[in-house]
Amino acid sequence: MTSLSSVHEMLKKIERSTDSHRLNQIANEPEIAPFIRGNIIGNLNFAPVFDNPANIVLLGEYGAMVFHCHNQGLYESHTLIQKIGRGRWTLRFVQACLFWMFTRTNAMEIMTRVPKGNLGALALVRAIKGVYEFTNPRGWVMDGDPVPAEIYSMQVQNWIRDADGLRERGEWFHVKLQQ
């Protein structure tokens, strides 16, 4: 069977992680760690993320998305992508992760932070049509110093309007229903 869309093709390649091993590998890569290290000296350890079963970590071939549950239906996402996967793969991966979250969890809103100067994160949040909410003047930590971070969100009702692959899934469902 052919895939319904490129998002559905990517969904087949995503897995929910239940331990920190692979996430720690990705986070500690030299092109990723400096941007997420904050005040931590030495290797990053994401094991505490898995202590809360409401947190969700989705893994793909070149990266991960961490969804930290702040409250029922409200998640904060962090995207960690290896250099080899940046660009087109990243966009499809993030779209598939959003599809996963909005169709398989209680997620009603997913927010993210874009630290000042992180042009890749800014391009990505714009590509997925994230909505700018506000700027936190001390919203991120780089090299031990607080820096401004723009806060963006994606609410499920906005995601539904433009979600790649959602229309195809609905059409597929109705065909199967009629059969």
Protein backbone atom coordinates (compact mmCIF):
# COMPACT_ATOMS: atom_id res chain seq x y z
CA MET A 1 0.00 0.00 0.00
CA THR A 2 1.28 3.45 -0.83
CA SER A 3 1.44 6.06 1.86
CA LEU A 4 -1.36 8.61 2.17
CA SER A 5 1.11 11.52 2.37
CA SER A 6 4.73 12.32 3.20
CA VAL A 7 3.62 12.96 6.79
CA HIS A 8 2.12 9.46 6.97
CA GLU A 9 5.34 8.04 5.53
CA MET A 10 7.28 9.81 8.30
CA LEU A 11 4.79 8.64 10.95
CA LYS A 12 5.80 5.05 10.12
CA LYS A 13 9.37 5.93 11.10
CA ILE A 14 8.65 7.65 14.42
CA GLU A 15 8.77 5.83 17.70
CA ARG A 16 7.92 6.88 21.22
CA SER A 17 10.95 6.49 23.45
CA THR A 18 10.71 5.06 26.94
CA ASP A 19 14.31 5.61 28.03
CA SER A 20 16.89 8.35 27.72
CA HIS A 21 19.72 6.50 25.94
CA ARG A 22 19.13 7.69 22.34
CA LEU A 23 17.91 11.14 23.41
CA ASN A 24 21.10 11.62 25.46
CA GLN A 25 23.22 10.60 22.46
CA ILE A 26 21.52 13.20 20.26
CA ALA A 27 21.54 15.96 22.92
CA ASN A 28 25.25 15.56 23.63
CA GLU A 29 26.37 15.87 20.02
CA PRO A 30 28.71 18.87 19.57
CA GLU A 31 26.39 20.71 17.15
CA ILE A 32 23.41 20.38 19.52
CA ALA A 33 24.64 20.50 23.14
CA PRO A 34 25.84 24.14 23.20
CA PHE A 35 22.35 25.36 22.24
CA ILE A 36 20.52 23.42 24.95
CA ARG A 37 23.13 23.12 27.70
CA GLY A 38 22.06 26.17 29.69
CA ASN A 39 24.04 26.16 32.95
CA ILE A 40 24.93 22.46 32.85
CA ILE A 41 28.61 21.52 32.80
CA GLY A 42 29.44 18.12 31.35
CA ASN A 43 27.14 15.67 29.59
CA LEU A 44 23.42 16.30 29.44
CA ASN A 45 21.17 13.63 30.95
CA PHE A 46 17.52 13.57 29.96
CA ALA A 47 16.58 10.66 32.24
CA PRO A 48 14.41 12.94 34.46
CA VAL A 49 12.18 13.70 31.46
CA PHE A 50 11.05 10.08 31.57
CA ASP A 51 10.13 10.25 35.27
CA ASN A 52 6.85 11.92 34.30
CA PRO A 53 4.78 9.56 32.11
CA ALA A 54 2.86 12.58 30.75
CA ASN A 55 6.05 13.75 28.99
CA ILE A 56 6.49 12.35 25.50
CA VAL A 57 9.70 11.82 23.52
CA LEU A 58 9.39 10.96 19.83
CA LEU A 59 12.45 9.68 17.97
CA GLY A 60 13.24 9.68 14.28
CA GLU A 61 16.26 8.73 12.21
CA TYR A 62 18.08 12.06 12.71
CA GLY A 63 16.58 13.53 15.82
CA ALA A 64 13.99 13.80 18.54
CA MET A 65 11.16 15.95 19.80
CA VAL A 66 10.58 16.27 23.51
CA PHE A 67 7.09 17.24 24.65
CA HIS A 68 7.13 18.36 28.27
CA CYS A 69 3.64 18.28 29.78
CA HIS A 70 2.94 21.51 31.69
CA ASN A 71 -0.74 20.82 32.35
CA GLN A 72 -3.59 18.75 30.92
CA GLY A 73 -3.41 19.30 27.16
CA LEU A 74 -0.55 21.86 27.31
CA TYR A 75 2.90 20.78 26.15
CA GLU A 76 6.18 22.57 25.55
CA SER A 77 8.21 21.11 22.70
CA HIS A 78 11.94 20.99 22.12
CA THR A 79 13.39 19.80 18.82
CA LEU A 80 16.86 18.24 18.66
CA ILE A 81 18.03 17.44 15.13
CA GLN A 82 21.42 16.17 13.99
CA LYS A 83 23.11 18.26 11.32
CA ILE A 84 22.57 15.58 8.63
CA GLY A 85 18.79 15.75 9.13
CA ARG A 86 18.29 19.50 9.04
CA GLY A 87 16.10 20.98 6.34
CA ARG A 88 13.42 19.00 4.52
CA TRP A 89 13.70 15.94 6.79
CA THR A 90 13.27 18.15 9.87
CA LEU A 91 10.13 19.79 8.53
CA ARG A 92 8.49 16.42 7.74
CA PHE A 93 9.58 15.01 11.10
CA VAL A 94 8.12 17.95 13.04
CA GLN A 95 4.89 17.84 11.03
CA ALA A 96 4.59 14.12 11.75
CA CYS A 97 5.31 14.64 15.46
CA LEU A 98 2.59 17.30 15.64
CA PHE A 99 0.22 14.92 13.85
CA TRP A 100 1.16 12.22 16.38
CA MET A 101 0.61 14.52 19.36
CA PHE A 102 -2.68 16.03 18.22
CA THR A 103 -4.21 12.71 17.16
CA ARG A 104 -2.89 10.34 19.86
CA THR A 105 -2.73 12.44 23.04
CA ASN A 106 -4.76 15.00 24.95
CA ALA A 107 -2.66 17.82 23.43
CA MET A 108 -4.70 20.96 22.83
CA GLU A 109 -1.75 23.37 22.61
CA ILE A 110 1.96 22.91 21.98
CA MET A 111 4.29 25.80 22.64
CA THR A 112 7.98 26.26 21.92
CA ARG A 113 10.74 28.75 22.59
CA VAL A 114 12.89 30.33 19.91
CA PRO A 115 16.05 31.74 21.50
CA LYS A 116 17.34 35.03 20.08
CA GLY A 117 19.67 34.33 17.18
CA ASN A 118 18.53 30.74 16.51
CA LEU A 119 17.57 31.28 12.88
CA GLY A 120 16.99 27.56 12.24
CA ALA A 121 14.40 27.35 15.02
CA LEU A 122 12.75 30.55 13.80
CA ALA A 123 12.53 29.24 10.22
CA LEU A 124 11.07 25.95 11.45
CA VAL A 125 8.39 27.51 13.65
CA ARG A 126 7.37 29.78 10.76
CA ALA A 127 7.28 26.83 8.33
CA ILE A 128 4.81 24.97 10.56
CA LYS A 129 2.76 28.17 11.02
CA GLY A 130 3.43 28.58 14.73
CA VAL A 131 1.73 31.62 16.22
CA TYR A 132 3.91 34.22 17.95
CA GLU A 133 2.63 34.81 21.49
CA PHE A 134 5.21 36.99 23.28
CA THR A 135 8.91 37.46 24.00
CA ASN A 136 10.32 36.40 27.35
CA PRO A 137 13.37 38.65 27.93
CA ARG A 138 15.06 35.88 29.94
CA GLY A 139 13.44 32.90 28.24
CA TRP A 140 16.50 30.78 27.41
CA VAL A 141 20.02 30.25 28.74
CA MET A 142 23.06 30.23 26.42
CA ASP A 143 26.55 29.73 27.83
CA GLY A 144 25.24 30.39 31.32
CA ASP A 145 23.60 33.71 30.41
CA PRO A 146 19.86 34.35 30.02
CA VAL A 147 18.82 35.49 26.54
CA PRO A 148 15.46 36.56 25.12
CA ALA A 149 13.25 33.87 23.64
CA GLU A 150 10.17 34.29 21.50
CA ILE A 151 7.31 32.02 22.54
CA TYR A 152 5.25 30.43 19.77
CA SER A 153 2.27 28.13 20.02
CA MET A 154 0.21 25.76 17.94
CA GLN A 155 -3.35 25.13 19.08
CA VAL A 156 -5.14 22.04 17.85
CA GLN A 157 -7.93 24.07 16.20
CA ASN A 158 -5.35 26.00 14.15
CA TRP A 159 -3.34 22.87 13.34
CA ILE A 160 -6.44 21.11 11.99
CA ARG A 161 -6.95 23.80 9.33
CA ASP A 162 -3.66 23.16 7.54
CA ALA A 163 -2.35 19.83 8.85
CA ASP A 164 -0.46 17.95 6.16
CA GLY A 165 -1.91 14.48 5.77
CA LEU A 166 -5.10 15.07 7.77
CA ARG A 167 -7.37 15.48 4.73
CA GLU A 168 -5.85 12.37 3.13
CA ARG A 169 -6.46 10.36 6.31
CA GLY A 170 -10.08 11.54 6.42
CA GLU A 171 -10.67 10.61 2.77
CA TRP A 172 -9.04 7.21 3.34
CA PHE A 173 -11.29 6.64 6.38
CA HIS A 174 -14.46 7.46 4.44
CA VAL A 175 -13.50 5.14 1.57
CA LYS A 176 -12.87 2.32 4.08
CA LEU A 177 -16.15 3.11 5.81
CA GLN A 178 -18.10 2.86 2.53
CA GLN A 179 -16.37 -0.43 1.68
